PDB file of all heavy atoms in Angstrom:
ATOM      1  N   ASP A   1    -138.910  89.370 -13.944  1.00  0.00           N
ATOM      2  CA  ASP A   1    -139.670  90.316 -14.761  1.00  0.00           C
ATOM      3  C   ASP A   1    -140.949  90.808 -14.089  1.00  0.00           C
ATOM      4  O   ASP A   1    -141.507  91.815 -14.498  1.00  0.00           O
ATOM      5  CB  ASP A   1    -139.984  89.720 -16.129  1.00  0.00           C
ATOM      6  CG  ASP A   1    -140.815  88.452 -16.052  1.00  0.00           C
ATOM      7  OD1 ASP A   1    -140.953  87.893 -14.953  1.00  0.00           O
ATOM      8  OD2 ASP A   1    -141.325  88.025 -17.101  1.00  0.00           O
ATOM      9  N   GLU A   2    -141.427  90.137 -13.051  1.00  0.00           N
ATOM     10  CA  GLU A   2    -142.637  90.619 -12.386  1.00  0.00           C
ATOM     11  C   GLU A   2    -142.337  91.514 -11.188  1.00  0.00           C
ATOM     12  O   GLU A   2    -143.222  92.193 -10.688  1.00  0.00           O
ATOM     13  CB  GLU A   2    -143.534  89.452 -11.965  1.00  0.00           C
ATOM     14  CG  GLU A   2    -142.966  88.567 -10.902  1.00  0.00           C
ATOM     15  CD  GLU A   2    -143.898  87.430 -10.527  1.00  0.00           C
ATOM     16  OE1 GLU A   2    -145.124  87.623 -10.494  1.00  0.00           O
ATOM     17  OE2 GLU A   2    -143.379  86.339 -10.265  1.00  0.00           O
ATOM     18  N   ILE A   3    -141.106  91.543 -10.738  1.00  0.00           N
ATOM     19  CA  ILE A   3    -140.757  92.347  -9.565  1.00  0.00           C
ATOM     20  C   ILE A   3    -140.627  93.822  -9.926  1.00  0.00           C
ATOM     21  O   ILE A   3    -141.077  94.691  -9.200  1.00  0.00           O
ATOM     22  CB  ILE A   3    -139.453  91.837  -8.914  1.00  0.00           C
ATOM     23  CG1 ILE A   3    -139.642  90.416  -8.399  1.00  0.00           C
ATOM     24  CG2 ILE A   3    -139.011  92.753  -7.792  1.00  0.00           C
ATOM     25  CD1 ILE A   3    -138.370  89.759  -7.910  1.00  0.00           C
ATOM     26  N   VAL A   4    -139.998  94.089 -11.056  1.00  0.00           N
ATOM     27  CA  VAL A   4    -139.725  95.474 -11.453  1.00  0.00           C
ATOM     28  C   VAL A   4    -140.883  96.010 -12.278  1.00  0.00           C
ATOM     29  O   VAL A   4    -141.409  95.315 -13.149  1.00  0.00           O
ATOM     30  CB  VAL A   4    -138.417  95.551 -12.271  1.00  0.00           C
ATOM     31  CG1 VAL A   4    -138.093  96.981 -12.661  1.00  0.00           C
ATOM     32  CG2 VAL A   4    -137.270  94.957 -11.483  1.00  0.00           C
ATOM     33  N   ASP A   5    -141.271  97.245 -12.008  1.00  0.00           N
ATOM     34  CA  ASP A   5    -142.332  97.904 -12.773  1.00  0.00           C
ATOM     35  C   ASP A   5    -141.918  97.956 -14.242  1.00  0.00           C
ATOM     36  O   ASP A   5    -140.843  98.461 -14.573  1.00  0.00           O
ATOM     37  CB  ASP A   5    -142.564  99.313 -12.225  1.00  0.00           C
ATOM     38  CG  ASP A   5    -143.722 100.024 -12.888  1.00  0.00           C
ATOM     39  OD1 ASP A   5    -144.379  99.439 -13.777  1.00  0.00           O
ATOM     40  OD2 ASP A   5    -143.985 101.182 -12.518  1.00  0.00           O
ATOM     41  N   GLU A   6    -142.758  97.424 -15.111  1.00  0.00           N
ATOM     42  CA  GLU A   6    -142.439  97.321 -16.539  1.00  0.00           C
ATOM     43  C   GLU A   6    -142.164  98.671 -17.192  1.00  0.00           C
ATOM     44  O   GLU A   6    -141.310  98.784 -18.061  1.00  0.00           O
ATOM     45  CB  GLU A   6    -143.582  96.636 -17.287  1.00  0.00           C
ATOM     46  CG  GLU A   6    -143.821  95.217 -16.850  1.00  0.00           C
ATOM     47  CD  GLU A   6    -145.111  94.650 -17.409  1.00  0.00           C
ATOM     48  OE1 GLU A   6    -145.784  95.323 -18.202  1.00  0.00           O
ATOM     49  OE2 GLU A   6    -145.442  93.514 -17.025  1.00  0.00           O
ATOM     50  N   THR A   7    -142.877  99.693 -16.786  1.00  0.00           N
ATOM     51  CA  THR A   7    -142.744 100.986 -17.444  1.00  0.00           C
ATOM     52  C   THR A   7    -141.456 101.709 -17.060  1.00  0.00           C
ATOM     53  O   THR A   7    -140.903 102.449 -17.860  1.00  0.00           O
ATOM     54  CB  THR A   7    -143.944 101.898 -17.119  1.00  0.00           C
ATOM     55  OG1 THR A   7    -144.014 102.066 -15.693  1.00  0.00           O
ATOM     56  CG2 THR A   7    -145.229 101.297 -17.629  1.00  0.00           C
ATOM     57  N   LYS A   8    -140.963 101.483 -15.859  1.00  0.00           N
ATOM     58  CA  LYS A   8    -139.793 102.208 -15.385  1.00  0.00           C
ATOM     59  C   LYS A   8    -138.501 101.418 -15.518  1.00  0.00           C
ATOM     60  O   LYS A   8    -137.438 101.998 -15.732  1.00  0.00           O
ATOM     61  CB  LYS A   8    -139.988 102.613 -13.919  1.00  0.00           C
ATOM     62  CG  LYS A   8    -141.172 103.535 -13.724  1.00  0.00           C
ATOM     63  CD  LYS A   8    -141.383 103.833 -12.266  1.00  0.00           C
ATOM     64  CE  LYS A   8    -142.650 104.668 -12.111  1.00  0.00           C
ATOM     65  NZ  LYS A   8    -143.110 104.711 -10.755  1.00  0.00           N
ATOM     66  N   GLY A   9    -138.565 100.120 -15.318  1.00  0.00           N
ATOM     67  CA  GLY A   9    -137.364  99.311 -15.375  1.00  0.00           C
ATOM     68  C   GLY A   9    -136.507  99.391 -14.125  1.00  0.00           C
ATOM     69  O   GLY A   9    -135.463  98.767 -14.040  1.00  0.00           O
ATOM     70  N   MET A  10    -136.946 100.175 -13.159  1.00  0.00           N
ATOM     71  CA  MET A  10    -136.189 100.354 -11.917  1.00  0.00           C
ATOM     72  C   MET A  10    -137.096 100.037 -10.736  1.00  0.00           C
ATOM     73  O   MET A  10    -138.305 100.231 -10.793  1.00  0.00           O
ATOM     74  CB  MET A  10    -135.672 101.797 -11.787  1.00  0.00           C
ATOM     75  CG  MET A  10    -134.753 102.230 -12.905  1.00  0.00           C
ATOM     76  SD  MET A  10    -133.215 101.324 -12.979  1.00  0.00           S
ATOM     77  CE  MET A  10    -132.286 102.137 -11.711  1.00  0.00           C
ATOM     78  N   LEU A  11    -136.496  99.550  -9.661  1.00  0.00           N
ATOM     79  CA  LEU A  11    -137.233  99.317  -8.426  1.00  0.00           C
ATOM     80  C   LEU A  11    -137.532 100.652  -7.754  1.00  0.00           C
ATOM     81  O   LEU A  11    -136.742 101.588  -7.853  1.00  0.00           O
ATOM     82  CB  LEU A  11    -136.405  98.448  -7.475  1.00  0.00           C
ATOM     83  CG  LEU A  11    -136.121  97.027  -7.945  1.00  0.00           C
ATOM     84  CD1 LEU A  11    -135.049  96.389  -7.078  1.00  0.00           C
ATOM     85  CD2 LEU A  11    -137.388  96.202  -7.912  1.00  0.00           C
ATOM     86  N   SER A  12    -138.640 100.723  -7.074  1.00  0.00           N
ATOM     87  CA  SER A  12    -138.976 101.931  -6.327  1.00  0.00           C
ATOM     88  C   SER A  12    -138.014 102.059  -5.157  1.00  0.00           C
ATOM     89  O   SER A  12    -137.749 101.088  -4.445  1.00  0.00           O
ATOM     90  CB  SER A  12    -140.411 101.850  -5.808  1.00  0.00           C
ATOM     91  OG  SER A  12    -140.658 102.917  -4.923  1.00  0.00           O
ATOM     92  N   LEU A  13    -137.506 103.245  -4.946  1.00  0.00           N
ATOM     93  CA  LEU A  13    -136.628 103.479  -3.804  1.00  0.00           C
ATOM     94  C   LEU A  13    -137.437 103.836  -2.560  1.00  0.00           C
ATOM     95  O   LEU A  13    -136.895 103.861  -1.461  1.00  0.00           O
ATOM     96  CB  LEU A  13    -135.623 104.591  -4.126  1.00  0.00           C
ATOM     97  CG  LEU A  13    -134.690 104.321  -5.309  1.00  0.00           C
ATOM     98  CD1 LEU A  13    -133.748 105.493  -5.524  1.00  0.00           C
ATOM     99  CD2 LEU A  13    -133.917 103.029  -5.134  1.00  0.00           C
ATOM    100  N   ASP A  14    -138.735 104.094  -2.737  1.00  0.00           N
ATOM    101  CA  ASP A  14    -139.589 104.527  -1.624  1.00  0.00           C
ATOM    102  C   ASP A  14    -140.225 103.374  -0.852  1.00  0.00           C
ATOM    103  O   ASP A  14    -140.446 103.481   0.346  1.00  0.00           O
ATOM    104  CB  ASP A  14    -140.696 105.453  -2.145  1.00  0.00           C
ATOM    105  CG  ASP A  14    -140.137 106.697  -2.786  1.00  0.00           C
ATOM    106  OD1 ASP A  14    -139.090 107.184  -2.315  1.00  0.00           O
ATOM    107  OD2 ASP A  14    -140.727 107.181  -3.766  1.00  0.00           O
ATOM    108  N   ILE A  15    -140.562 102.290  -1.543  1.00  0.00           N
ATOM    109  CA  ILE A  15    -141.216 101.155  -0.876  1.00  0.00           C
ATOM    110  C   ILE A  15    -140.532  99.866  -1.307  1.00  0.00           C
ATOM    111  O   ILE A  15    -139.921  99.793  -2.373  1.00  0.00           O
ATOM    112  CB  ILE A  15    -142.733 101.090  -1.185  1.00  0.00           C
ATOM    113  CG1 ILE A  15    -142.998 101.011  -2.689  1.00  0.00           C
ATOM    114  CG2 ILE A  15    -143.466 102.255  -0.562  1.00  0.00           C
ATOM    115  CD1 ILE A  15    -144.452 100.828  -3.045  1.00  0.00           C
ATOM    116  N   ASP A  16    -140.673  98.831  -0.470  1.00  0.00           N
ATOM    117  CA  ASP A  16    -139.997  97.571  -0.779  1.00  0.00           C
ATOM    118  C   ASP A  16    -140.647  96.901  -1.992  1.00  0.00           C
ATOM    119  O   ASP A  16    -141.807  97.150  -2.311  1.00  0.00           O
ATOM    120  CB  ASP A  16    -139.972  96.648   0.447  1.00  0.00           C
ATOM    121  CG  ASP A  16    -141.325  96.093   0.798  1.00  0.00           C
ATOM    122  OD1 ASP A  16    -141.730  95.098   0.168  1.00  0.00           O
ATOM    123  OD2 ASP A  16    -141.968  96.633   1.712  1.00  0.00           O
ATOM    124  N   PRO A  17    -139.897  96.052  -2.695  1.00  0.00           N
ATOM    125  CA  PRO A  17    -140.391  95.448  -3.934  1.00  0.00           C
ATOM    126  C   PRO A  17    -141.652  94.604  -3.777  1.00  0.00           C
ATOM    127  O   PRO A  17    -142.492  94.570  -4.672  1.00  0.00           O
ATOM    128  CB  PRO A  17    -139.222  94.583  -4.413  1.00  0.00           C
ATOM    129  CG  PRO A  17    -138.031  95.137  -3.744  1.00  0.00           C
ATOM    130  CD  PRO A  17    -138.492  95.728  -2.458  1.00  0.00           C
ATOM    131  N   LYS A  18    -141.804  93.930  -2.650  1.00  0.00           N
ATOM    132  CA  LYS A  18    -142.986  93.091  -2.455  1.00  0.00           C
ATOM    133  C   LYS A  18    -144.238  93.951  -2.320  1.00  0.00           C
ATOM    134  O   LYS A  18    -145.278  93.645  -2.913  1.00  0.00           O
ATOM    135  CB  LYS A  18    -142.804  92.221  -1.215  1.00  0.00           C
ATOM    136  CG  LYS A  18    -143.853  91.145  -1.049  1.00  0.00           C
ATOM    137  CD  LYS A  18    -143.490  90.290   0.156  1.00  0.00           C
ATOM    138  CE  LYS A  18    -144.402  89.125   0.332  1.00  0.00           C
ATOM    139  NZ  LYS A  18    -144.077  88.341   1.528  1.00  0.00           N
ATOM    140  N   LEU A  19    -144.153  95.035  -1.565  1.00  0.00           N
ATOM    141  CA  LEU A  19    -145.279  95.948  -1.432  1.00  0.00           C
ATOM    142  C   LEU A  19    -145.580  96.615  -2.770  1.00  0.00           C
ATOM    143  O   LEU A  19    -146.747  96.748  -3.156  1.00  0.00           O
ATOM    144  CB  LEU A  19    -145.003  97.002  -0.351  1.00  0.00           C
ATOM    145  CG  LEU A  19    -146.071  98.056  -0.139  1.00  0.00           C
ATOM    146  CD1 LEU A  19    -147.408  97.425   0.237  1.00  0.00           C
ATOM    147  CD2 LEU A  19    -145.628  99.046   0.931  1.00  0.00           C
ATOM    148  N   ALA A  20    -144.542  97.007  -3.499  1.00  0.00           N
ATOM    149  CA  ALA A  20    -144.748  97.625  -4.817  1.00  0.00           C
ATOM    150  C   ALA A  20    -145.456  96.651  -5.753  1.00  0.00           C
ATOM    151  O   ALA A  20    -146.370  97.033  -6.487  1.00  0.00           O
ATOM    152  CB  ALA A  20    -143.408  98.058  -5.408  1.00  0.00           C
ATOM    153  N   TRP A  21    -145.066  95.373  -5.724  1.00  0.00           N
ATOM    154  CA  TRP A  21    -145.734  94.374  -6.554  1.00  0.00           C
ATOM    155  C   TRP A  21    -147.204  94.245  -6.164  1.00  0.00           C
ATOM    156  O   TRP A  21    -148.086  94.208  -7.017  1.00  0.00           O
ATOM    157  CB  TRP A  21    -145.032  93.009  -6.421  1.00  0.00           C
ATOM    158  CG  TRP A  21    -145.705  91.970  -7.242  1.00  0.00           C
ATOM    159  CD1 TRP A  21    -145.448  91.659  -8.542  1.00  0.00           C
ATOM    160  CD2 TRP A  21    -146.794  91.136  -6.842  1.00  0.00           C
ATOM    161  NE1 TRP A  21    -146.307  90.669  -8.972  1.00  0.00           N
ATOM    162  CE2 TRP A  21    -147.145  90.326  -7.938  1.00  0.00           C
ATOM    163  CE3 TRP A  21    -147.511  90.984  -5.660  1.00  0.00           C
ATOM    164  CZ2 TRP A  21    -148.165  89.393  -7.894  1.00  0.00           C
ATOM    165  CZ3 TRP A  21    -148.534  90.046  -5.608  1.00  0.00           C
ATOM    166  CH2 TRP A  21    -148.845  89.266  -6.717  1.00  0.00           C
ATOM    167  N   ALA A  22    -147.471  94.173  -4.867  1.00  0.00           N
ATOM    168  CA  ALA A  22    -148.848  94.017  -4.391  1.00  0.00           C
ATOM    169  C   ALA A  22    -149.713  95.205  -4.789  1.00  0.00           C
ATOM    170  O   ALA A  22    -150.876  95.032  -5.170  1.00  0.00           O
ATOM    171  CB  ALA A  22    -148.863  93.830  -2.881  1.00  0.00           C
ATOM    172  N   LEU A  23    -149.156  96.397  -4.738  1.00  0.00           N
ATOM    173  CA  LEU A  23    -149.925  97.589  -5.130  1.00  0.00           C
ATOM    174  C   LEU A  23    -150.207  97.601  -6.629  1.00  0.00           C
ATOM    175  O   LEU A  23    -151.248  98.099  -7.057  1.00  0.00           O
ATOM    176  CB  LEU A  23    -149.183  98.858  -4.701  1.00  0.00           C
ATOM    177  CG  LEU A  23    -149.099  99.082  -3.190  1.00  0.00           C
ATOM    178  CD1 LEU A  23    -148.204 100.276  -2.865  1.00  0.00           C
ATOM    179  CD2 LEU A  23    -150.483  99.247  -2.581  1.00  0.00           C
ATOM    180  N   ARG A  24    -149.303  97.052  -7.436  1.00  0.00           N
ATOM    181  CA  ARG A  24    -149.539  96.961  -8.882  1.00  0.00           C
ATOM    182  C   ARG A  24    -150.532  95.859  -9.229  1.00  0.00           C
ATOM    183  O   ARG A  24    -151.090  95.842 -10.321  1.00  0.00           O
ATOM    184  CB  ARG A  24    -148.225  96.707  -9.635  1.00  0.00           C
ATOM    185  CG  ARG A  24    -147.315  97.898  -9.737  1.00  0.00           C
ATOM    186  CD  ARG A  24    -146.195  97.683 -10.754  1.00  0.00           C
ATOM    187  NE  ARG A  24    -145.481  96.427 -10.634  1.00  0.00           N
ATOM    188  CZ  ARG A  24    -144.420  96.216  -9.854  1.00  0.00           C
ATOM    189  NH1 ARG A  24    -143.958  97.186  -9.097  1.00  0.00           N
ATOM    190  NH2 ARG A  24    -143.830  95.039  -9.832  1.00  0.00           N
ATOM    191  N   HIS A  25    -150.754  94.915  -8.308  1.00  0.00           N
ATOM    192  CA  HIS A  25    -151.645  93.777  -8.561  1.00  0.00           C
ATOM    193  C   HIS A  25    -152.780  93.731  -7.545  1.00  0.00           C
ATOM    194  O   HIS A  25    -153.077  92.689  -6.968  1.00  0.00           O
ATOM    195  CB  HIS A  25    -150.839  92.465  -8.535  1.00  0.00           C
ATOM    196  CG  HIS A  25    -149.834  92.385  -9.618  1.00  0.00           C
ATOM    197  ND1 HIS A  25    -148.554  92.853  -9.483  1.00  0.00           N
ATOM    198  CD2 HIS A  25    -149.935  91.907 -10.883  1.00  0.00           C
ATOM    199  CE1 HIS A  25    -147.908  92.666 -10.610  1.00  0.00           C
ATOM    200  NE2 HIS A  25    -148.720  92.097 -11.481  1.00  0.00           N
ATOM    201  N   ARG A  26    -153.434  94.843  -7.375  1.00  0.00           N
ATOM    202  CA  ARG A  26    -154.528  94.929  -6.395  1.00  0.00           C
ATOM    203  C   ARG A  26    -155.685  94.001  -6.735  1.00  0.00           C
ATOM    204  O   ARG A  26    -156.464  93.634  -5.862  1.00  0.00           O
ATOM    205  CB  ARG A  26    -155.025  96.370  -6.294  1.00  0.00           C
ATOM    206  CG  ARG A  26    -153.988  97.279  -5.684  1.00  0.00           C
ATOM    207  CD  ARG A  26    -154.476  98.700  -5.621  1.00  0.00           C
ATOM    208  NE  ARG A  26    -153.355  99.556  -5.294  1.00  0.00           N
ATOM    209  CZ  ARG A  26    -153.473 100.693  -4.670  1.00  0.00           C
ATOM    210  NH1 ARG A  26    -154.654 101.119  -4.308  1.00  0.00           N
ATOM    211  NH2 ARG A  26    -152.418 101.408  -4.418  1.00  0.00           N
ATOM    212  N   ASP A  27    -155.783  93.610  -7.987  1.00  0.00           N
ATOM    213  CA  ASP A  27    -156.866  92.711  -8.388  1.00  0.00           C
ATOM    214  C   ASP A  27    -156.730  91.326  -7.757  1.00  0.00           C
ATOM    215  O   ASP A  27    -157.688  90.571  -7.706  1.00  0.00           O
ATOM    216  CB  ASP A  27    -156.882  92.579  -9.920  1.00  0.00           C
ATOM    217  CG  ASP A  27    -155.552  92.093 -10.479  1.00  0.00           C
ATOM    218  OD1 ASP A  27    -154.511  92.679 -10.093  1.00  0.00           O
ATOM    219  OD2 ASP A  27    -155.548  91.150 -11.284  1.00  0.00           O
ATOM    220  N   ARG A  28    -155.564  90.982  -7.231  1.00  0.00           N
ATOM    221  CA  ARG A  28    -155.345  89.668  -6.611  1.00  0.00           C
ATOM    222  C   ARG A  28    -155.662  89.660  -5.120  1.00  0.00           C
ATOM    223  O   ARG A  28    -155.549  88.623  -4.475  1.00  0.00           O
ATOM    224  CB  ARG A  28    -153.894  89.244  -6.825  1.00  0.00           C
ATOM    225  CG  ARG A  28    -153.594  89.056  -8.311  1.00  0.00           C
ATOM    226  CD  ARG A  28    -152.234  88.549  -8.557  1.00  0.00           C
ATOM    227  NE  ARG A  28    -152.053  87.221  -7.974  1.00  0.00           N
ATOM    228  CZ  ARG A  28    -151.004  86.461  -8.245  1.00  0.00           C
ATOM    229  NH1 ARG A  28    -150.088  86.879  -9.070  1.00  0.00           N
ATOM    230  NH2 ARG A  28    -150.878  85.285  -7.670  1.00  0.00           N
TER     231      ARG A  28
END
C-alpha cells in the first residue's frame, strides 16, 4: 500500500517505484 500512489492506484510508467516513493516522501 505504500508503493503505489494512493490517489491514482497505478504505478508511474515514467519513473521506477522506489524513486516515485522517495519523491512522495521528501520529508524523510
